[in-house]
Amino acid sequence: HSNDYVENLKLAVIYGRIRADFLGDTTPVPLVRPSV
């Protein structure tokens, strides 16, 4: 649906950090909190 690669690159960081921050104390496997 989205052809804007820069937007998707940015969302990869934002969504990845949300996931790492909210699952970090319950995750069964190691997580990497991504940066740009």
Full PDB file with SEQRES, HELIX, SHEET, SSBOND, CRYST1, ORIGX, SCALE, CONECT and MASTER records, all heavy atoms in Angstrom:
SEQRES   1 A   36  HIS SER ASN ASP TYR VAL GLU ASN LEU LYS LEU ALA VAL          
SEQRES   2 A   36  ILE TYR GLY ARG ILE ARG ALA ASP PHE LEU GLY ASP THR          
SEQRES   3 A   36  THR PRO VAL PRO LEU VAL ARG PRO SER VAL                      
HELIX    1 AA1 TYR A    5  LEU A   23  1                                  19    
CRYST1    1.000    1.000    1.000  90.00  90.00  90.00 P 1           1          
ORIGX1      1.000000  0.000000  0.000000        0.00000                         
ORIGX2      0.000000  1.000000  0.000000        0.00000                         
ORIGX3      0.000000  0.000000  1.000000        0.00000                         
SCALE1      1.000000  0.000000  0.000000        0.00000                         
SCALE2      0.000000  1.000000  0.000000        0.00000                         
SCALE3      0.000000  0.000000  1.000000        0.00000                         
ATOM      1  N   HIS A   1       0.793  -1.223   0.000  1.00  0.00           N  
ATOM      2  CA  HIS A   1       0.000   0.000   0.000  1.00  0.00           C  
ATOM      3  C   HIS A   1       0.825   1.272   0.000  1.00  0.00           C  
ATOM      4  O   HIS A   1       0.415   2.291  -0.576  1.00  0.00           O  
ATOM      5  CB  HIS A   1      -0.945  -0.008   1.203  1.00  0.00           C  
ATOM      6  CG  HIS A   1      -1.638  -1.321   1.389  1.00  0.00           C  
ATOM      7  ND1 HIS A   1      -2.666  -1.733   0.570  1.00  0.00           N  
ATOM      8  CD2 HIS A   1      -1.419  -2.340   2.262  1.00  0.00           C  
ATOM      9  CE1 HIS A   1      -3.060  -2.936   0.945  1.00  0.00           C  
ATOM     10  NE2 HIS A   1      -2.321  -3.333   1.969  1.00  0.00           N  
ATOM     11  N   SER A   2       1.968   1.284   0.662  1.00  0.00           N  
ATOM     12  CA  SER A   2       2.801   2.481   0.756  1.00  0.00           C  
ATOM     13  C   SER A   2       4.050   2.305  -0.089  1.00  0.00           C  
ATOM     14  O   SER A   2       4.813   1.361   0.112  1.00  0.00           O  
ATOM     15  CB  SER A   2       3.210   2.754   2.206  1.00  0.00           C  
ATOM     16  OG  SER A   2       4.201   3.764   2.252  1.00  0.00           O  
ATOM     17  N   ASN A   3       4.263   3.219  -1.021  1.00  0.00           N  
ATOM     18  CA  ASN A   3       5.456   3.184  -1.864  1.00  0.00           C  
ATOM     19  C   ASN A   3       6.539   4.137  -1.383  1.00  0.00           C  
ATOM     20  O   ASN A   3       7.537   4.341  -2.071  1.00  0.00           O  
ATOM     21  CB  ASN A   3       5.077   3.524  -3.309  1.00  0.00           C  
ATOM     22  CG  ASN A   3       4.216   2.445  -3.945  1.00  0.00           C  
ATOM     23  OD1 ASN A   3       4.372   1.267  -3.646  1.00  0.00           O  
ATOM     24  ND2 ASN A   3       3.297   2.849  -4.802  1.00  0.00           N  
ATOM     25  N   ASP A   4       6.355   4.722  -0.212  1.00  0.00           N  
ATOM     26  CA  ASP A   4       7.296   5.704   0.341  1.00  0.00           C  
ATOM     27  C   ASP A   4       8.320   4.966   1.196  1.00  0.00           C  
ATOM     28  O   ASP A   4       8.071   4.656   2.363  1.00  0.00           O  
ATOM     29  CB  ASP A   4       6.521   6.729   1.177  1.00  0.00           C  
ATOM     30  CG  ASP A   4       7.385   7.877   1.664  1.00  0.00           C  
ATOM     31  OD1 ASP A   4       8.615   7.693   1.796  1.00  0.00           O  
ATOM     32  OD2 ASP A   4       6.831   8.959   1.938  1.00  0.00           O  
ATOM     33  N   TYR A   5       9.487   4.683   0.618  1.00  0.00           N  
ATOM     34  CA  TYR A   5      10.476   3.888   1.340  1.00  0.00           C  
ATOM     35  C   TYR A   5      10.988   4.620   2.572  1.00  0.00           C  
ATOM     36  O   TYR A   5      11.201   4.009   3.625  1.00  0.00           O  
ATOM     37  CB  TYR A   5      11.655   3.529   0.422  1.00  0.00           C  
ATOM     38  CG  TYR A   5      12.469   2.373   0.967  1.00  0.00           C  
ATOM     39  CD1 TYR A   5      12.388   1.122   0.394  1.00  0.00           C  
ATOM     40  CD2 TYR A   5      13.298   2.524   2.073  1.00  0.00           C  
ATOM     41  CE1 TYR A   5      13.126   0.043   0.890  1.00  0.00           C  
ATOM     42  CE2 TYR A   5      14.026   1.465   2.582  1.00  0.00           C  
ATOM     43  CZ  TYR A   5      13.930   0.231   1.990  1.00  0.00           C  
ATOM     44  OH  TYR A   5      14.641  -0.820   2.504  1.00  0.00           O  
ATOM     45  N   VAL A   6      11.200   5.932   2.477  1.00  0.00           N  
ATOM     46  CA  VAL A   6      11.718   6.674   3.628  1.00  0.00           C  
ATOM     47  C   VAL A   6      10.731   6.591   4.785  1.00  0.00           C  
ATOM     48  O   VAL A   6      11.123   6.423   5.947  1.00  0.00           O  
ATOM     49  CB  VAL A   6      12.012   8.133   3.243  1.00  0.00           C  
ATOM     50  CG1 VAL A   6      12.526   8.910   4.449  1.00  0.00           C  
ATOM     51  CG2 VAL A   6      13.030   8.195   2.112  1.00  0.00           C  
ATOM     52  N   GLU A   7       9.452   6.692   4.493  1.00  0.00           N  
ATOM     53  CA  GLU A   7       8.430   6.560   5.537  1.00  0.00           C  
ATOM     54  C   GLU A   7       8.483   5.168   6.167  1.00  0.00           C  
ATOM     55  O   GLU A   7       8.375   5.014   7.392  1.00  0.00           O  
ATOM     56  CB  GLU A   7       7.042   6.821   4.950  1.00  0.00           C  
ATOM     57  CG  GLU A   7       5.915   6.792   5.951  1.00  0.00           C  
ATOM     58  CD  GLU A   7       5.890   7.998   6.873  1.00  0.00           C  
ATOM     59  OE1 GLU A   7       6.558   9.007   6.569  1.00  0.00           O  
ATOM     60  OE2 GLU A   7       5.188   7.938   7.898  1.00  0.00           O  
ATOM     61  N   ASN A   8       8.648   4.143   5.349  1.00  0.00           N  
ATOM     62  CA  ASN A   8       8.713   2.785   5.882  1.00  0.00           C  
ATOM     63  C   ASN A   8       9.977   2.558   6.695  1.00  0.00           C  
ATOM     64  O   ASN A   8       9.945   1.844   7.708  1.00  0.00           O  
ATOM     65  CB  ASN A   8       8.608   1.773   4.736  1.00  0.00           C  
ATOM     66  CG  ASN A   8       7.169   1.532   4.321  1.00  0.00           C  
ATOM     67  OD1 ASN A   8       6.460   0.735   4.931  1.00  0.00           O  
ATOM     68  ND2 ASN A   8       6.724   2.225   3.292  1.00  0.00           N  
ATOM     69  N   LEU A   9      11.076   3.153   6.287  1.00  0.00           N  
ATOM     70  CA  LEU A   9      12.308   3.065   7.073  1.00  0.00           C  
ATOM     71  C   LEU A   9      12.092   3.671   8.457  1.00  0.00           C  
ATOM     72  O   LEU A   9      12.492   3.102   9.486  1.00  0.00           O  
ATOM     73  CB  LEU A   9      13.428   3.771   6.320  1.00  0.00           C  
ATOM     74  CG  LEU A   9      14.842   3.697   6.895  1.00  0.00           C  
ATOM     75  CD1 LEU A   9      15.861   3.742   5.751  1.00  0.00           C  
ATOM     76  CD2 LEU A   9      15.125   4.845   7.839  1.00  0.00           C  
ATOM     77  N   LYS A  10      11.438   4.812   8.474  1.00  0.00           N  
ATOM     78  CA  LYS A  10      11.145   5.486   9.743  1.00  0.00           C  
ATOM     79  C   LYS A  10      10.191   4.651  10.604  1.00  0.00           C  
ATOM     80  O   LYS A  10      10.398   4.489  11.817  1.00  0.00           O  
ATOM     81  CB  LYS A  10      10.547   6.858   9.417  1.00  0.00           C  
ATOM     82  CG  LYS A  10      10.143   7.703  10.583  1.00  0.00           C  
ATOM     83  CD  LYS A  10       9.855   9.133  10.121  1.00  0.00           C  
ATOM     84  CE  LYS A  10       8.792   9.210   9.066  1.00  0.00           C  
ATOM     85  NZ  LYS A  10       8.485  10.611   8.678  1.00  0.00           N  
ATOM     86  N   LEU A  11       9.137   4.099   9.978  1.00  0.00           N  
ATOM     87  CA  LEU A  11       8.187   3.273  10.730  1.00  0.00           C  
ATOM     88  C   LEU A  11       8.845   2.008  11.265  1.00  0.00           C  
ATOM     89  O   LEU A  11       8.473   1.520  12.339  1.00  0.00           O  
ATOM     90  CB  LEU A  11       7.002   2.902   9.835  1.00  0.00           C  
ATOM     91  CG  LEU A  11       6.003   4.019   9.528  1.00  0.00           C  
ATOM     92  CD1 LEU A  11       4.962   3.536   8.524  1.00  0.00           C  
ATOM     93  CD2 LEU A  11       5.319   4.500  10.802  1.00  0.00           C  
ATOM     94  N   ALA A  12       9.819   1.469  10.536  1.00  0.00           N  
ATOM     95  CA  ALA A  12      10.522   0.284  11.034  1.00  0.00           C  
ATOM     96  C   ALA A  12      11.177   0.586  12.370  1.00  0.00           C  
ATOM     97  O   ALA A  12      11.137  -0.238  13.306  1.00  0.00           O  
ATOM     98  CB  ALA A  12      11.565  -0.174  10.010  1.00  0.00           C  
ATOM     99  N   VAL A  13      11.775   1.768  12.489  1.00  0.00           N  
ATOM    100  CA  VAL A  13      12.412   2.153  13.749  1.00  0.00           C  
ATOM    101  C   VAL A  13      11.352   2.362  14.833  1.00  0.00           C  
ATOM    102  O   VAL A  13      11.466   1.841  15.955  1.00  0.00           O  
ATOM    103  CB  VAL A  13      13.247   3.433  13.556  1.00  0.00           C  
ATOM    104  CG1 VAL A  13      13.849   3.870  14.895  1.00  0.00           C  
ATOM    105  CG2 VAL A  13      14.343   3.209  12.533  1.00  0.00           C  
ATOM    106  N   ILE A  14      10.323   3.131  14.519  1.00  0.00           N  
ATOM    107  CA  ILE A  14       9.308   3.474  15.523  1.00  0.00           C  
ATOM    108  C   ILE A  14       8.575   2.227  16.013  1.00  0.00           C  
ATOM    109  O   ILE A  14       8.443   1.985  17.223  1.00  0.00           O  
ATOM    110  CB  ILE A  14       8.327   4.506  14.944  1.00  0.00           C  
ATOM    111  CG1 ILE A  14       9.053   5.827  14.682  1.00  0.00           C  
ATOM    112  CG2 ILE A  14       7.142   4.720  15.888  1.00  0.00           C  
ATOM    113  CD1 ILE A  14       8.240   6.834  13.888  1.00  0.00           C  
ATOM    114  N   TYR A  15       8.082   1.412  15.075  1.00  0.00           N  
ATOM    115  CA  TYR A  15       7.360   0.202  15.472  1.00  0.00           C  
ATOM    116  C   TYR A  15       8.291  -0.777  16.196  1.00  0.00           C  
ATOM    117  O   TYR A  15       7.884  -1.446  17.154  1.00  0.00           O  
ATOM    118  CB  TYR A  15       6.755  -0.484  14.257  1.00  0.00           C  
ATOM    119  CG  TYR A  15       5.550   0.202  13.657  1.00  0.00           C  
ATOM    120  CD1 TYR A  15       5.041  -0.199  12.427  1.00  0.00           C  
ATOM    121  CD2 TYR A  15       4.887   1.241  14.308  1.00  0.00           C  
ATOM    122  CE1 TYR A  15       3.928   0.398  11.864  1.00  0.00           C  
ATOM    123  CE2 TYR A  15       3.781   1.851  13.757  1.00  0.00           C  
ATOM    124  CZ  TYR A  15       3.304   1.427  12.529  1.00  0.00           C  
ATOM    125  OH  TYR A  15       2.206   2.020  11.972  1.00  0.00           O  
ATOM    126  N   GLY A  16       9.538  -0.868  15.727  1.00  0.00           N  
ATOM    127  CA  GLY A  16      10.480  -1.766  16.384  1.00  0.00           C  
ATOM    128  C   GLY A  16      10.750  -1.352  17.819  1.00  0.00           C  
ATOM    129  O   GLY A  16      10.851  -2.193  18.722  1.00  0.00           O  
ATOM    130  N   ARG A  17      10.867  -0.057  18.050  1.00  0.00           N  
ATOM    131  CA  ARG A  17      11.104   0.418  19.410  1.00  0.00           C  
ATOM    132  C   ARG A  17       9.874   0.222  20.293  1.00  0.00           C  
ATOM    133  O   ARG A  17      10.000  -0.129  21.469  1.00  0.00           O  
ATOM    134  CB  ARG A  17      11.507   1.889  19.369  1.00  0.00           C  
ATOM    135  CG  ARG A  17      12.918   2.107  18.859  1.00  0.00           C  
ATOM    136  CD  ARG A  17      13.292   3.561  18.811  1.00  0.00           C  
ATOM    137  NE  ARG A  17      14.721   3.742  18.554  1.00  0.00           N  
ATOM    138  CZ  ARG A  17      15.328   4.912  18.475  1.00  0.00           C  
ATOM    139  NH1 ARG A  17      14.615   6.034  18.605  1.00  0.00           N  
ATOM    140  NH2 ARG A  17      16.626   4.987  18.243  1.00  0.00           N  
ATOM    141  N   ILE A  18       8.692   0.452  19.726  1.00  0.00           N  
ATOM    142  CA  ILE A  18       7.462   0.202  20.497  1.00  0.00           C  
ATOM    143  C   ILE A  18       7.426  -1.257  20.942  1.00  0.00           C  
ATOM    144  O   ILE A  18       7.158  -1.575  22.108  1.00  0.00           O  
ATOM    145  CB  ILE A  18       6.213   0.546  19.657  1.00  0.00           C  
ATOM    146  CG1 ILE A  18       6.102   2.060  19.442  1.00  0.00           C  
ATOM    147  CG2 ILE A  18       4.952   0.001  20.323  1.00  0.00           C  
ATOM    148  CD1 ILE A  18       5.023   2.445  18.457  1.00  0.00           C  
ATOM    149  N   ARG A  19       7.704  -2.138  20.001  1.00  0.00           N  
ATOM    150  CA  ARG A  19       7.644  -3.571  20.317  1.00  0.00           C  
ATOM    151  C   ARG A  19       8.678  -3.935  21.379  1.00  0.00           C  
ATOM    152  O   ARG A  19       8.372  -4.638  22.357  1.00  0.00           O  
ATOM    153  CB  ARG A  19       7.864  -4.377  19.039  1.00  0.00           C  
ATOM    154  CG  ARG A  19       7.636  -5.850  19.204  1.00  0.00           C  
ATOM    155  CD  ARG A  19       7.678  -6.583  17.879  1.00  0.00           C  
ATOM    156  NE  ARG A  19       7.449  -8.006  18.091  1.00  0.00           N  
ATOM    157  CZ  ARG A  19       6.276  -8.602  18.067  1.00  0.00           C  
ATOM    158  NH1 ARG A  19       5.186  -7.890  17.833  1.00  0.00           N  
ATOM    159  NH2 ARG A  19       6.158  -9.896  18.288  1.00  0.00           N  
ATOM    160  N   ALA A  20       9.903  -3.453  21.200  1.00  0.00           N  
ATOM    161  CA  ALA A  20      10.953  -3.778  22.169  1.00  0.00           C  
ATOM    162  C   ALA A  20      10.644  -3.198  23.543  1.00  0.00           C  
ATOM    163  O   ALA A  20      10.846  -3.860  24.572  1.00  0.00           O  
ATOM    164  CB  ALA A  20      12.291  -3.263  21.655  1.00  0.00           C  
ATOM    165  N   ASP A  21      10.141  -1.960  23.579  1.00  0.00           N  
ATOM    166  CA  ASP A  21       9.874  -1.314  24.859  1.00  0.00           C  
ATOM    167  C   ASP A  21       8.718  -1.983  25.607  1.00  0.00           C  
ATOM    168  O   ASP A  21       8.760  -2.118  26.836  1.00  0.00           O  
ATOM    169  CB  ASP A  21       9.550   0.169  24.637  1.00  0.00           C  
ATOM    170  CG  ASP A  21      10.777   0.983  24.239  1.00  0.00           C  
ATOM    171  OD1 ASP A  21      11.898   0.436  24.295  1.00  0.00           O  
ATOM    172  OD2 ASP A  21      10.619   2.157  23.863  1.00  0.00           O  
ATOM    173  N   PHE A  22       7.678  -2.418  24.877  1.00  0.00           N  
ATOM    174  CA  PHE A  22       6.502  -2.962  25.550  1.00  0.00           C  
ATOM    175  C   PHE A  22       6.628  -4.456  25.841  1.00  0.00           C  
ATOM    176  O   PHE A  22       5.938  -4.970  26.720  1.00  0.00           O  
ATOM    177  CB  PHE A  22       5.240  -2.684  24.719  1.00  0.00           C  
ATOM    178  CG  PHE A  22       4.689  -1.308  24.923  1.00  0.00           C  
ATOM    179  CD1 PHE A  22       5.208  -0.232  24.217  1.00  0.00           C  
ATOM    180  CD2 PHE A  22       3.683  -1.065  25.831  1.00  0.00           C  
ATOM    181  CE1 PHE A  22       4.719   1.050  24.402  1.00  0.00           C  
ATOM    182  CE2 PHE A  22       3.187   0.211  26.033  1.00  0.00           C  
ATOM    183  CZ  PHE A  22       3.714   1.282  25.316  1.00  0.00           C  
ATOM    184  N   LEU A  23       7.486  -5.158  25.107  1.00  0.00           N  
ATOM    185  CA  LEU A  23       7.624  -6.599  25.326  1.00  0.00           C  
ATOM    186  C   LEU A  23       8.915  -6.958  26.052  1.00  0.00           C  
ATOM    187  O   LEU A  23       9.163  -8.128  26.332  1.00  0.00           O  
ATOM    188  CB  LEU A  23       7.581  -7.338  23.982  1.00  0.00           C  
ATOM    189  CG  LEU A  23       6.302  -7.204  23.162  1.00  0.00           C  
ATOM    190  CD1 LEU A  23       6.429  -7.969  21.846  1.00  0.00           C  
ATOM    191  CD2 LEU A  23       5.085  -7.686  23.940  1.00  0.00           C  
ATOM    192  N   GLY A  24       9.738  -5.957  26.326  1.00  0.00           N  
ATOM    193  CA  GLY A  24      11.071  -6.224  26.835  1.00  0.00           C  
ATOM    194  C   GLY A  24      11.130  -6.978  28.140  1.00  0.00           C  
ATOM    195  O   GLY A  24      12.096  -7.711  28.385  1.00  0.00           O  
ATOM    196  N   ASP A  25      10.113  -6.836  29.002  1.00  0.00           N  
ATOM    197  CA  ASP A  25      10.184  -7.532  30.294  1.00  0.00           C  
ATOM    198  C   ASP A  25       9.438  -8.861  30.283  1.00  0.00           C  
ATOM    199  O   ASP A  25       9.341  -9.537  31.316  1.00  0.00           O  
ATOM    200  CB  ASP A  25       9.666  -6.635  31.416  1.00  0.00           C  
ATOM    201  CG  ASP A  25       8.236  -6.184  31.204  1.00  0.00           C  
ATOM    202  OD1 ASP A  25       7.668  -6.490  30.126  1.00  0.00           O  
ATOM    203  OD2 ASP A  25       7.677  -5.519  32.102  1.00  0.00           O  
ATOM    204  N   THR A  26       8.893  -9.265  29.107  1.00  0.00           N  
ATOM    205  CA  THR A  26       8.181 -10.541  29.031  1.00  0.00           C  
ATOM    206  C   THR A  26       8.683 -11.421  27.880  1.00  0.00           C  
ATOM    207  O   THR A  26       8.185 -12.529  27.700  1.00  0.00           O  
ATOM    208  CB  THR A  26       6.670 -10.315  28.843  1.00  0.00           C  
ATOM    209  OG1 THR A  26       6.452  -9.588  27.621  1.00  0.00           O  
ATOM    210  CG2 THR A  26       6.083  -9.551  30.018  1.00  0.00           C  
ATOM    211  N   THR A  27       9.631 -10.928  27.096  1.00  0.00           N  
ATOM    212  CA  THR A  27      10.042 -11.648  25.889  1.00  0.00           C  
ATOM    213  C   THR A  27      10.738 -12.967  26.213  1.00  0.00           C  
ATOM    214  O   THR A  27      11.587 -13.032  27.112  1.00  0.00           O  
ATOM    215  CB  THR A  27      10.969 -10.769  25.030  1.00  0.00           C  
ATOM    216  OG1 THR A  27      11.405 -11.528  23.889  1.00  0.00           O  
ATOM    217  CG2 THR A  27      12.187 -10.300  25.807  1.00  0.00           C  
ATOM    218  N   PRO A  28      10.423 -14.034  25.476  1.00  0.00           N  
ATOM    219  CA  PRO A  28      11.118 -15.315  25.680  1.00  0.00           C  
ATOM    220  C   PRO A  28      12.445 -15.396  24.939  1.00  0.00           C  
ATOM    221  O   PRO A  28      13.192 -16.360  25.124  1.00  0.00           O  
ATOM    222  CB  PRO A  28      10.119 -16.335  25.113  1.00  0.00           C  
ATOM    223  CG  PRO A  28       9.422 -15.579  24.019  1.00  0.00           C  
ATOM    224  CD  PRO A  28       9.309 -14.158  24.519  1.00  0.00           C  
ATOM    225  N   VAL A  29      12.721 -14.410  24.075  1.00  0.00           N  
ATOM    226  CA  VAL A  29      13.960 -14.409  23.293  1.00  0.00           C  
ATOM    227  C   VAL A  29      14.564 -13.013  23.351  1.00  0.00           C  
ATOM    228  O   VAL A  29      13.880 -12.034  23.652  1.00  0.00           O  
ATOM    229  CB  VAL A  29      13.693 -14.801  21.818  1.00  0.00           C  
ATOM    230  CG1 VAL A  29      13.200 -16.233  21.710  1.00  0.00           C  
ATOM    231  CG2 VAL A  29      12.712 -13.830  21.163  1.00  0.00           C  
ATOM    232  N   PRO A  30      15.854 -12.879  23.061  1.00  0.00           N  
ATOM    233  CA  PRO A  30      16.458 -11.540  23.070  1.00  0.00           C  
ATOM    234  C   PRO A  30      15.833 -10.629  22.009  1.00  0.00           C  
ATOM    235  O   PRO A  30      15.430 -11.086  20.930  1.00  0.00           O  
ATOM    236  CB  PRO A  30      17.931 -11.817  22.749  1.00  0.00           C  
ATOM    237  CG  PRO A  30      18.143 -13.259  23.047  1.00  0.00           C  
ATOM    238  CD  PRO A  30      16.841 -13.935  22.782  1.00  0.00           C  
ATOM    239  N   LEU A  31      15.778  -9.340  22.330  1.00  0.00           N  
ATOM    240  CA  LEU A  31      15.282  -8.328  21.404  1.00  0.00           C  
ATOM    241  C   LEU A  31      16.385  -7.314  21.133  1.00  0.00           C  
ATOM    242  O   LEU A  31      17.195  -7.024  22.004  1.00  0.00           O  
ATOM    243  CB  LEU A  31      14.077  -7.576  21.987  1.00  0.00           C  
ATOM    244  CG  LEU A  31      12.851  -8.360  22.412  1.00  0.00           C  
ATOM    245  CD1 LEU A  31      11.844  -7.432  23.086  1.00  0.00           C  
ATOM    246  CD2 LEU A  31      12.208  -9.033  21.211  1.00  0.00           C  
ATOM    247  N   VAL A  32      16.380  -6.743  19.932  1.00  0.00           N  
ATOM    248  CA  VAL A  32      17.212  -5.590  19.629  1.00  0.00           C  
ATOM    249  C   VAL A  32      16.298  -4.388  19.466  1.00  0.00           C  
ATOM    250  O   VAL A  32      15.351  -4.432  18.676  1.00  0.00           O  
ATOM    251  CB  VAL A  32      18.039  -5.803  18.350  1.00  0.00           C  
ATOM    252  CG1 VAL A  32      18.709  -4.501  17.914  1.00  0.00           C  
ATOM    253  CG2 VAL A  32      19.095  -6.877  18.575  1.00  0.00           C  
ATOM    254  N   ARG A  33      16.563  -3.333  20.234  1.00  0.00           N  
ATOM    255  CA  ARG A  33      15.798  -2.084  20.081  1.00  0.00           C  
ATOM    256  C   ARG A  33      16.449  -1.299  18.941  1.00  0.00           C  
ATOM    257  O   ARG A  33      17.535  -0.762  19.091  1.00  0.00           O  
ATOM    258  CB  ARG A  33      15.828  -1.274  21.379  1.00  0.00           C  
ATOM    259  CG  ARG A  33      14.910  -0.065  21.380  1.00  0.00           C  
ATOM    260  CD  ARG A  33      14.969   0.621  22.742  1.00  0.00           C  
ATOM    261  NE  ARG A  33      13.943   1.660  22.868  1.00  0.00           N  
ATOM    262  CZ  ARG A  33      14.128   2.940  22.541  1.00  0.00           C  
ATOM    263  NH1 ARG A  33      15.308   3.324  22.063  1.00  0.00           N  
ATOM    264  NH2 ARG A  33      13.163   3.812  22.682  1.00  0.00           N  
ATOM    265  N   PRO A  34      15.795  -1.229  17.774  1.00  0.00           N  
ATOM    266  CA  PRO A  34      16.483  -0.706  16.593  1.00  0.00           C  
ATOM    267  C   PRO A  34      16.641   0.807  16.633  1.00  0.00           C  
ATOM    268  O   PRO A  34      15.863   1.531  17.254  1.00  0.00           O  
ATOM    269  CB  PRO A  34      15.563  -1.115  15.443  1.00  0.00           C  
ATOM    270  CG  PRO A  34      14.204  -1.181  16.063  1.00  0.00           C  
ATOM    271  CD  PRO A  34      14.423  -1.677  17.466  1.00  0.00           C  
ATOM    272  N   SER A  35      17.673   1.280  15.952  1.00  0.00           N  
ATOM    273  CA  SER A  35      17.900   2.707  15.745  1.00  0.00           C  
ATOM    274  C   SER A  35      17.795   2.998  14.257  1.00  0.00           C  
ATOM    275  O   SER A  35      17.622   2.091  13.432  1.00  0.00           O  
ATOM    276  CB  SER A  35      19.295   3.094  16.245  1.00  0.00           C  
ATOM    277  OG  SER A  35      20.281   2.580  15.360  1.00  0.00           O  
ATOM    278  N   VAL A  36      17.936   4.256  13.881  1.00  0.00           N  
ATOM    279  CA  VAL A  36      17.930   4.596  12.461  1.00  0.00           C  
ATOM    280  C   VAL A  36      19.125   3.965  11.761  1.00  0.00           C  
ATOM    281  O   VAL A  36      19.056   3.614  10.577  1.00  0.00           O  
ATOM    282  CB  VAL A  36      17.878   6.123  12.269  1.00  0.00           C  
ATOM    283  CG1 VAL A  36      19.166   6.791  12.740  1.00  0.00           C  
ATOM    284  CG2 VAL A  36      17.577   6.479  10.822  1.00  0.00           C  
TER     285      VAL A  36                                                      
MASTER        0    0    0    1    0    0    0    6  284    1    0    3          
END                                                                             
